[in-house]
Amino acid sequence: MSGTWLTTRAWLLMLPLLVVMISVIGWPLVDTVGLSFTDAKLVGTGGNFVGIDNYVKMLSGSNFQRTLVTTAWFAIVSVSAEMVIGVLAALLLNQQFRGRTALRALMILPWALPTVVNATLWRLIYNPEYGALNAALTQLGVLDAYRSWLGEPGTALASLIVADCWKNFPLVALIALAALQAVPRDITAASLVDGAGPFARFRFVILPYLAGPLMVALVLRTIEAFKVFDIIWVMTRGGPANSTRTLSILVYQEAFSFQRAGSGASLALIVTLLVTLLAVGYAALVRKTAGSAA
């Protein structure tokens, strides 16, 4: 009887949250699914049922395929760089030196600032007329003339990756730094006595303690990078020549710029499915890593 009452009480306590989730997430999701099978426009009512034509058109279209490659490349390069830079920063900040506390506080600043603010700052840095990057490179003799870093297809995506890394590597660094605090000092001291070098200490002593937390950081950053929108929209809006257009921007353009609500809904669901599969795959990898560590 007590067990039944506790179960009932638990459901009653969760009822307000369930109502909010169904209202905010559940019903819009169901409505989007229904909309994806129609040719409805953003302005107007209704729409004709077209079955899976929207999905076939989106998946077979060259725009989707090119955008998927761009999104995957952005996610792979940016997340890889963030993981490496974050771990190196954590190893540095784990050392004893004067000003370490202030440096830790400053490192959080890029991540703490809103993404729109970060994107605006980097857009000014990359400005082809008065940007700080062009000024520094020309004064150092690296460049002969100012370049439009965000206006050239060959450099726009790389410039965005740099901005995204600067924004998000502190998250990886904080997670890695917290994990480093758990490494027993007697083990590291023993490795020094045994004559282990820096690389050997990192690989055999430190890395086992970092593996689990870094896997969590990898999951979070990969999913966020795969559905990135705001930093790219503020800096390039997917240009030039769609060279920086990601899946989220393609969804926005399809639904709102071109006002094709039906095909936009189908594309949004395709992206949702891809992100879900990515999250499930990473979750299985995290469980496998945790199980092997145990």
Foldseek 3Di string as FASTA:
>chain_A
DVVVVVVVVVCVVCVVVVVVCCVPPVVVLVVLVVLLQFQDFLPDDDGHGNGCVLVVCQVPDPLNVLQLVLLVVLLVVLLVVLLVVLLVLLVVLLDDDPCSVVVLVVLCVLQPDDLLVLLVLLLQLQPQPDHVVQVVCVVVVNDVHGDNQCADLVRNSVSLSVSSSSNPSSVSNVLLNVLQVPQDPVVVVVCVVVPDDPVRCCVPRRVLSRVLSNLVVSLVSSLCSSQDDNSCCSRHLCDDVNSNRHLNSVLCCCCPVVRRSNSSSSSVVVSVVVSVVSNVVSVVVSVVSVVVSD
